[in-house]
Amino acid sequence: MEIKVLGTGCMKCKQLEKDVYYALAELNVTADVEKVEDIQKIMSYKVMSTPALIINGKVKVAGKVPKRDEIKKYINEEV
């Protein structure tokens, strides 16, 4: 599984990244997690507002920090 957290380094982006790691640990799922801060790469996903969560190339959420339960749901959809 490949997870990308898109964001330029704001507090919300950092929170989403931290929550992704917590969700993975709670689900006992392994994944390659990457923090993407480059604006050009972020825009390549057609994401106009950050933070954004990409799982296996699919935009799951953009422009907000989802609750940890939502993150778990998105991860389980891709397992």
PDB file of N, CA and C in Angstrom:
ATOM      1  N   MET A   1       0.851  -1.173   0.000  1.00  0.00           N
ATOM      2  CA  MET A   1       0.000   0.000   0.000  1.00  0.00           C
ATOM      3  C   MET A   1       0.893   1.231   0.000  1.00  0.00           C
ATOM      4  N   GLU A   2       0.489   2.222  -0.770  1.00  0.00           N
ATOM      5  CA  GLU A   2       1.245   3.465  -0.865  1.00  0.00           C
ATOM      6  C   GLU A   2       0.343   4.620  -0.433  1.00  0.00           C
ATOM      7  N   ILE A   3       0.790   5.361   0.567  1.00  0.00           N
ATOM      8  CA  ILE A   3       0.031   6.488   1.089  1.00  0.00           C
ATOM      9  C   ILE A   3       0.865   7.742   0.940  1.00  0.00           C
ATOM     10  N   LYS A   4       0.219   8.787   0.442  1.00  0.00           N
ATOM     11  CA  LYS A   4       0.892  10.079   0.324  1.00  0.00           C
ATOM     12  C   LYS A   4       0.061  11.124   1.050  1.00  0.00           C
ATOM     13  N   VAL A   5       0.756  11.930   1.832  1.00  0.00           N
ATOM     14  CA  VAL A   5       0.133  13.069   2.497  1.00  0.00           C
ATOM     15  C   VAL A   5       0.644  14.303   1.767  1.00  0.00           C
ATOM     16  N   LEU A   6      -0.275  15.021   1.134  1.00  0.00           N
ATOM     17  CA  LEU A   6       0.104  16.204   0.382  1.00  0.00           C
ATOM     18  C   LEU A   6      -0.093  17.439   1.236  1.00  0.00           C
ATOM     19  N   GLY A   7       0.922  18.286   1.288  1.00  0.00           N
ATOM     20  CA  GLY A   7       0.825  19.520   2.051  1.00  0.00           C
ATOM     21  C   GLY A   7       2.163  20.216   2.133  1.00  0.00           C
ATOM     22  N   THR A   8       2.107  21.506   2.325  1.00  0.00           N
ATOM     23  CA  THR A   8       3.325  22.311   2.300  1.00  0.00           C
ATOM     24  C   THR A   8       4.018  22.424   3.650  1.00  0.00           C
ATOM     25  N   GLY A   9       3.507  21.750   4.657  1.00  0.00           N
ATOM     26  CA  GLY A   9       4.174  21.782   5.953  1.00  0.00           C
ATOM     27  C   GLY A   9       3.403  22.525   7.030  1.00  0.00           C
ATOM     28  N   CYS A  10       2.143  22.835   6.774  1.00  0.00           N
ATOM     29  CA  CYS A  10       1.335  23.536   7.778  1.00  0.00           C
ATOM     30  C   CYS A  10       0.970  22.571   8.911  1.00  0.00           C
ATOM     31  N   MET A  11       0.401  23.087   9.964  1.00  0.00           N
ATOM     32  CA  MET A  11       0.047  22.263  11.123  1.00  0.00           C
ATOM     33  C   MET A  11      -0.963  21.177  10.758  1.00  0.00           C
ATOM     34  N   LYS A  12      -1.927  21.504   9.905  1.00  0.00           N
ATOM     35  CA  LYS A  12      -2.934  20.513   9.508  1.00  0.00           C
ATOM     36  C   LYS A  12      -2.287  19.372   8.726  1.00  0.00           C
ATOM     37  N   CYS A  13      -1.326  19.708   7.876  1.00  0.00           N
ATOM     38  CA  CYS A  13      -0.631  18.687   7.089  1.00  0.00           C
ATOM     39  C   CYS A  13       0.158  17.756   8.007  1.00  0.00           C
ATOM     40  N   LYS A  14       0.824  18.327   8.981  1.00  0.00           N
ATOM     41  CA  LYS A  14       1.594  17.535   9.935  1.00  0.00           C
ATOM     42  C   LYS A  14       0.673  16.657  10.776  1.00  0.00           C
ATOM     43  N   GLN A  15      -0.488  17.188  11.140  1.00  0.00           N
ATOM     44  CA  GLN A  15      -1.459  16.422  11.918  1.00  0.00           C
ATOM     45  C   GLN A  15      -1.967  15.227  11.113  1.00  0.00           C
ATOM     46  N   LEU A  16      -2.271  15.451   9.833  1.00  0.00           N
ATOM     47  CA  LEU A  16      -2.747  14.359   8.989  1.00  0.00           C
ATOM     48  C   LEU A  16      -1.693  13.265   8.876  1.00  0.00           C
ATOM     49  N   GLU A  17      -0.447  13.662   8.687  1.00  0.00           N
ATOM     50  CA  GLU A  17       0.633  12.674   8.584  1.00  0.00           C
ATOM     51  C   GLU A  17       0.730  11.848   9.871  1.00  0.00           C
ATOM     52  N   LYS A  18       0.674  12.518  11.010  1.00  0.00           N
ATOM     53  CA  LYS A  18       0.750  11.833  12.294  1.00  0.00           C
ATOM     54  C   LYS A  18      -0.439  10.886  12.467  1.00  0.00           C
ATOM     55  N   ASP A  19      -1.629  11.335  12.097  1.00  0.00           N
ATOM     56  CA  ASP A  19      -2.827  10.506  12.227  1.00  0.00           C
ATOM     57  C   ASP A  19      -2.771   9.283  11.317  1.00  0.00           C
ATOM     58  N   VAL A  20      -2.170   9.425  10.149  1.00  0.00           N
ATOM     59  CA  VAL A  20      -2.008   8.285   9.235  1.00  0.00           C
ATOM     60  C   VAL A  20      -1.158   7.213   9.905  1.00  0.00           C
ATOM     61  N   TYR A  21      -0.053   7.617  10.516  1.00  0.00           N
ATOM     62  CA  TYR A  21       0.809   6.645  11.196  1.00  0.00           C
ATOM     63  C   TYR A  21       0.074   5.967  12.357  1.00  0.00           C
ATOM     64  N   TYR A  22      -0.694   6.745  13.131  1.00  0.00           N
ATOM     65  CA  TYR A  22      -1.467   6.164  14.233  1.00  0.00           C
ATOM     66  C   TYR A  22      -2.493   5.165  13.702  1.00  0.00           C
ATOM     67  N   ALA A  23      -3.200   5.538  12.628  1.00  0.00           N
ATOM     68  CA  ALA A  23      -4.216   4.651  12.057  1.00  0.00           C
ATOM     69  C   ALA A  23      -3.597   3.355  11.559  1.00  0.00           C
ATOM     70  N   LEU A  24      -2.463   3.461  10.895  1.00  0.00           N
ATOM     71  CA  LEU A  24      -1.775   2.261  10.407  1.00  0.00           C
ATOM     72  C   LEU A  24      -1.386   1.346  11.568  1.00  0.00           C
ATOM     73  N   ALA A  25      -0.884   1.939  12.641  1.00  0.00           N
ATOM     74  CA  ALA A  25      -0.485   1.153  13.810  1.00  0.00           C
ATOM     75  C   ALA A  25      -1.698   0.476  14.454  1.00  0.00           C
ATOM     76  N   GLU A  26      -2.796   1.220  14.570  1.00  0.00           N
ATOM     77  CA  GLU A  26      -4.004   0.664  15.182  1.00  0.00           C
ATOM     78  C   GLU A  26      -4.585  -0.476  14.346  1.00  0.00           C
ATOM     79  N   LEU A  27      -4.446  -0.383  13.031  1.00  0.00           N
ATOM     80  CA  LEU A  27      -4.964  -1.422  12.134  1.00  0.00           C
ATOM     81  C   LEU A  27      -3.949  -2.545  11.902  1.00  0.00           C
ATOM     82  N   ASN A  28      -2.722  -2.332  12.366  1.00  0.00           N
ATOM     83  CA  ASN A  28      -1.632  -3.278  12.138  1.00  0.00           C
ATOM     84  C   ASN A  28      -1.431  -3.527  10.639  1.00  0.00           C
ATOM     85  N   VAL A  29      -1.410  -2.430   9.890  1.00  0.00           N
ATOM     86  CA  VAL A  29      -1.229  -2.468   8.439  1.00  0.00           C
ATOM     87  C   VAL A  29       0.087  -1.765   8.113  1.00  0.00           C
ATOM     88  N   THR A  30       0.845  -2.336   7.198  1.00  0.00           N
ATOM     89  CA  THR A  30       2.075  -1.680   6.771  1.00  0.00           C
ATOM     90  C   THR A  30       1.826  -0.961   5.455  1.00  0.00           C
ATOM     91  N   ALA A  31       2.492   0.166   5.294  1.00  0.00           N
ATOM     92  CA  ALA A  31       2.346   0.965   4.077  1.00  0.00           C
ATOM     93  C   ALA A  31       3.580   1.834   3.911  1.00  0.00           C
ATOM     94  N   ASP A  32       3.848   2.191   2.672  1.00  0.00           N
ATOM     95  CA  ASP A  32       4.883   3.178   2.385  1.00  0.00           C
ATOM     96  C   ASP A  32       4.216   4.542   2.474  1.00  0.00           C
ATOM     97  N   VAL A  33       4.637   5.350   3.445  1.00  0.00           N
ATOM     98  CA  VAL A  33       4.048   6.668   3.642  1.00  0.00           C
ATOM     99  C   VAL A  33       5.044   7.717   3.181  1.00  0.00           C
ATOM    100  N   GLU A  34       4.562   8.633   2.355  1.00  0.00           N
ATOM    101  CA  GLU A  34       5.414   9.706   1.837  1.00  0.00           C
ATOM    102  C   GLU A  34       4.731  11.041   2.073  1.00  0.00           C
ATOM    103  N   LYS A  35       5.496  11.999   2.555  1.00  0.00           N
ATOM    104  CA  LYS A  35       5.007  13.375   2.720  1.00  0.00           C
ATOM    105  C   LYS A  35       5.445  14.147   1.490  1.00  0.00           C
ATOM    106  N   VAL A  36       4.494  14.682   0.747  1.00  0.00           N
ATOM    107  CA  VAL A  36       4.782  15.418  -0.486  1.00  0.00           C
ATOM    108  C   VAL A  36       4.557  16.901  -0.228  1.00  0.00           C
ATOM    109  N   GLU A  37       5.627  17.691  -0.327  1.00  0.00           N
ATOM    110  CA  GLU A  37       5.539  19.123  -0.070  1.00  0.00           C
ATOM    111  C   GLU A  37       5.747  19.963  -1.323  1.00  0.00           C
ATOM    112  N   ASP A  38       6.204  19.339  -2.402  1.00  0.00           N
ATOM    113  CA  ASP A  38       6.458  20.061  -3.649  1.00  0.00           C
ATOM    114  C   ASP A  38       5.136  20.447  -4.313  1.00  0.00           C
ATOM    115  N   ILE A  39       4.956  21.742  -4.553  1.00  0.00           N
ATOM    116  CA  ILE A  39       3.702  22.262  -5.110  1.00  0.00           C
ATOM    117  C   ILE A  39       3.378  21.627  -6.461  1.00  0.00           C
ATOM    118  N   GLN A  40       4.359  21.452  -7.306  1.00  0.00           N
ATOM    119  CA  GLN A  40       4.117  20.864  -8.627  1.00  0.00           C
ATOM    120  C   GLN A  40       3.604  19.427  -8.501  1.00  0.00           C
ATOM    121  N   LYS A  41       4.183  18.667  -7.593  1.00  0.00           N
ATOM    122  CA  LYS A  41       3.724  17.288  -7.389  1.00  0.00           C
ATOM    123  C   LYS A  41       2.313  17.267  -6.814  1.00  0.00           C
ATOM    124  N   ILE A  42       2.041  18.186  -5.888  1.00  0.00           N
ATOM    125  CA  ILE A  42       0.699  18.276  -5.304  1.00  0.00           C
ATOM    126  C   ILE A  42      -0.321  18.576  -6.399  1.00  0.00           C
ATOM    127  N   MET A  43       0.009  19.525  -7.256  1.00  0.00           N
ATOM    128  CA  MET A  43      -0.912  19.903  -8.326  1.00  0.00           C
ATOM    129  C   MET A  43      -1.096  18.788  -9.349  1.00  0.00           C
ATOM    130  N   SER A  44      -0.110  17.904  -9.478  1.00  0.00           N
ATOM    131  CA  SER A  44      -0.239  16.790 -10.426  1.00  0.00           C
ATOM    132  C   SER A  44      -1.372  15.845 -10.021  1.00  0.00           C
ATOM    133  N   TYR A  45      -1.788  15.891  -8.757  1.00  0.00           N
ATOM    134  CA  TYR A  45      -2.914  15.090  -8.289  1.00  0.00           C
ATOM    135  C   TYR A  45      -4.238  15.839  -8.435  1.00  0.00           C
ATOM    136  N   LYS A  46      -4.199  17.020  -9.037  1.00  0.00           N
ATOM    137  CA  LYS A  46      -5.388  17.863  -9.223  1.00  0.00           C
ATOM    138  C   LYS A  46      -5.983  18.292  -7.883  1.00  0.00           C
ATOM    139  N   VAL A  47      -5.123  18.416  -6.879  1.00  0.00           N
ATOM    140  CA  VAL A  47      -5.536  18.843  -5.551  1.00  0.00           C
ATOM    141  C   VAL A  47      -5.266  20.337  -5.434  1.00  0.00           C
ATOM    142  N   MET A  48      -6.305  21.091  -5.108  1.00  0.00           N
ATOM    143  CA  MET A  48      -6.160  22.540  -5.018  1.00  0.00           C
ATOM    144  C   MET A  48      -6.088  23.041  -3.582  1.00  0.00           C
ATOM    145  N   SER A  49      -6.458  22.201  -2.617  1.00  0.00           N
ATOM    146  CA  SER A  49      -6.352  22.613  -1.224  1.00  0.00           C
ATOM    147  C   SER A  49      -5.774  21.459  -0.411  1.00  0.00           C
ATOM    148  N   THR A  50      -4.906  21.823   0.507  1.00  0.00           N
ATOM    149  CA  THR A  50      -4.246  20.834   1.344  1.00  0.00           C
ATOM    150  C   THR A  50      -4.725  20.991   2.778  1.00  0.00           C
ATOM    151  N   PRO A  51      -4.546  19.988   3.593  1.00  0.00           N
ATOM    152  CA  PRO A  51      -3.873  18.728   3.320  1.00  0.00           C
ATOM    153  C   PRO A  51      -4.734  17.806   2.472  1.00  0.00           C
ATOM    154  N   ALA A  52      -4.069  16.821   1.875  1.00  0.00           N
ATOM    155  CA  ALA A  52      -4.779  15.820   1.093  1.00  0.00           C
ATOM    156  C   ALA A  52      -4.190  14.452   1.395  1.00  0.00           C
ATOM    157  N   LEU A  53      -5.038  13.448   1.293  1.00  0.00           N
ATOM    158  CA  LEU A  53      -4.634  12.070   1.556  1.00  0.00           C
ATOM    159  C   LEU A  53      -4.832  11.255   0.282  1.00  0.00           C
ATOM    160  N   ILE A  54      -3.745  10.654  -0.184  1.00  0.00           N
ATOM    161  CA  ILE A  54      -3.766   9.823  -1.383  1.00  0.00           C
ATOM    162  C   ILE A  54      -3.415   8.401  -0.964  1.00  0.00           C
ATOM    163  N   ILE A  55      -4.258   7.448  -1.303  1.00  0.00           N
ATOM    164  CA  ILE A  55      -3.966   6.048  -1.000  1.00  0.00           C
ATOM    165  C   ILE A  55      -4.023   5.263  -2.301  1.00  0.00           C
ATOM    166  N   ASN A  56      -2.912   4.602  -2.612  1.00  0.00           N
ATOM    167  CA  ASN A  56      -2.792   3.831  -3.852  1.00  0.00           C
ATOM    168  C   ASN A  56      -3.192   4.656  -5.076  1.00  0.00           C
ATOM    169  N   GLY A  57      -2.770   5.916  -5.091  1.00  0.00           N
ATOM    170  CA  GLY A  57      -3.002   6.785  -6.233  1.00  0.00           C
ATOM    171  C   GLY A  57      -4.371   7.425  -6.293  1.00  0.00           C
ATOM    172  N   LYS A  58      -5.226   7.150  -5.301  1.00  0.00           N
ATOM    173  CA  LYS A  58      -6.584   7.707  -5.291  1.00  0.00           C
ATOM    174  C   LYS A  58      -6.688   8.807  -4.244  1.00  0.00           C
ATOM    175  N   VAL A  59      -7.237   9.951  -4.640  1.00  0.00           N
ATOM    176  CA  VAL A  59      -7.449  11.043  -3.695  1.00  0.00           C
ATOM    177  C   VAL A  59      -8.629  10.650  -2.809  1.00  0.00           C
ATOM    178  N   LYS A  60      -8.360  10.505  -1.531  1.00  0.00           N
ATOM    179  CA  LYS A  60      -9.412  10.120  -0.583  1.00  0.00           C
ATOM    180  C   LYS A  60     -10.050  11.341   0.081  1.00  0.00           C
ATOM    181  N   VAL A  61      -9.237  12.349   0.354  1.00  0.00           N
ATOM    182  CA  VAL A  61      -9.756  13.559   0.989  1.00  0.00           C
ATOM    183  C   VAL A  61      -8.802  14.704   0.691  1.00  0.00           C
ATOM    184  N   ALA A  62      -9.362  15.903   0.533  1.00  0.00           N
ATOM    185  CA  ALA A  62      -8.530  17.098   0.292  1.00  0.00           C
ATOM    186  C   ALA A  62      -9.162  18.293   0.975  1.00  0.00           C
ATOM    187  N   GLY A  63      -8.306  19.148   1.509  1.00  0.00           N
ATOM    188  CA  GLY A  63      -8.771  20.397   2.100  1.00  0.00           C
ATOM    189  C   GLY A  63      -9.182  20.318   3.549  1.00  0.00           C
ATOM    190  N   LYS A  64      -9.014  19.149   4.173  1.00  0.00           N
ATOM    191  CA  LYS A  64      -9.360  19.025   5.597  1.00  0.00           C
ATOM    192  C   LYS A  64      -8.589  17.874   6.205  1.00  0.00           C
ATOM    193  N   VAL A  65      -8.574  17.850   7.516  1.00  0.00           N
ATOM    194  CA  VAL A  65      -7.965  16.735   8.239  1.00  0.00           C
ATOM    195  C   VAL A  65      -9.101  15.806   8.653  1.00  0.00           C
ATOM    196  N   PRO A  66      -9.163  14.611   8.054  1.00  0.00           N
ATOM    197  CA  PRO A  66     -10.232  13.686   8.439  1.00  0.00           C
ATOM    198  C   PRO A  66      -9.986  13.122   9.828  1.00  0.00           C
ATOM    199  N   LYS A  67     -11.051  12.681  10.464  1.00  0.00           N
ATOM    200  CA  LYS A  67     -10.912  12.022  11.758  1.00  0.00           C
ATOM    201  C   LYS A  67     -10.165  10.707  11.561  1.00  0.00           C
ATOM    202  N   ARG A  68      -9.553  10.239  12.618  1.00  0.00           N
ATOM    203  CA  ARG A  68      -8.753   9.014  12.521  1.00  0.00           C
ATOM    204  C   ARG A  68      -9.607   7.829  12.056  1.00  0.00           C
ATOM    205  N   ASP A  69     -10.866   7.766  12.491  1.00  0.00           N
ATOM    206  CA  ASP A  69     -11.750   6.683  12.044  1.00  0.00           C
ATOM    207  C   ASP A  69     -11.976   6.734  10.538  1.00  0.00           C
ATOM    208  N   GLU A  70     -12.072   7.945   9.988  1.00  0.00           N
ATOM    209  CA  GLU A  70     -12.213   8.087   8.536  1.00  0.00           C
ATOM    210  C   GLU A  70     -10.959   7.586   7.829  1.00  0.00           C
ATOM    211  N   ILE A  71      -9.800   7.923   8.374  1.00  0.00           N
ATOM    212  CA  ILE A  71      -8.530   7.483   7.783  1.00  0.00           C
ATOM    213  C   ILE A  71      -8.481   5.963   7.781  1.00  0.00           C
ATOM    214  N   LYS A  72      -8.902   5.337   8.895  1.00  0.00           N
ATOM    215  CA  LYS A  72      -8.915   3.877   8.970  1.00  0.00           C
ATOM    216  C   LYS A  72      -9.841   3.292   7.911  1.00  0.00           C
ATOM    217  N   LYS A  73     -10.993   3.921   7.717  1.00  0.00           N
ATOM    218  CA  LYS A  73     -11.932   3.454   6.705  1.00  0.00           C
ATOM    219  C   LYS A  73     -11.298   3.502   5.321  1.00  0.00           C
ATOM    220  N   TYR A  74     -10.621   4.605   5.006  1.00  0.00           N
ATOM    221  CA  TYR A  74      -9.966   4.744   3.702  1.00  0.00           C
ATOM    222  C   TYR A  74      -8.874   3.690   3.517  1.00  0.00           C
ATOM    223  N   ILE A  75      -8.137   3.422   4.590  1.00  0.00           N
ATOM    224  CA  ILE A  75      -7.076   2.404   4.509  1.00  0.00           C
ATOM    225  C   ILE A  75      -7.698   1.025   4.275  1.00  0.00           C
ATOM    226  N   ASN A  76      -8.757   0.714   5.031  1.00  0.00           N
ATOM    227  CA  ASN A  76      -9.398  -0.592   4.878  1.00  0.00           C
ATOM    228  C   ASN A  76      -9.997  -0.795   3.499  1.00  0.00           C
ATOM    229  N   GLU A  77     -10.420   0.291   2.849  1.00  0.00           N
ATOM    230  CA  GLU A  77     -10.954   0.182   1.491  1.00  0.00           C
ATOM    231  C   GLU A  77      -9.878  -0.270   0.495  1.00  0.00           C
ATOM    232  N   GLU A  78      -8.630  -0.020   0.836  1.00  0.00           N
ATOM    233  CA  GLU A  78      -7.533  -0.310  -0.087  1.00  0.00           C
ATOM    234  C   GLU A  78      -6.718  -1.543   0.288  1.00  0.00           C
ATOM    235  N   VAL A  79      -7.036  -2.160   1.433  1.00  0.00           N
ATOM    236  CA  VAL A  79      -6.262  -3.332   1.868  1.00  0.00           C
ATOM    237  C   VAL A  79      -6.618  -4.526   1.004  1.00  0.00           C
TER     238      VAL A  79
END
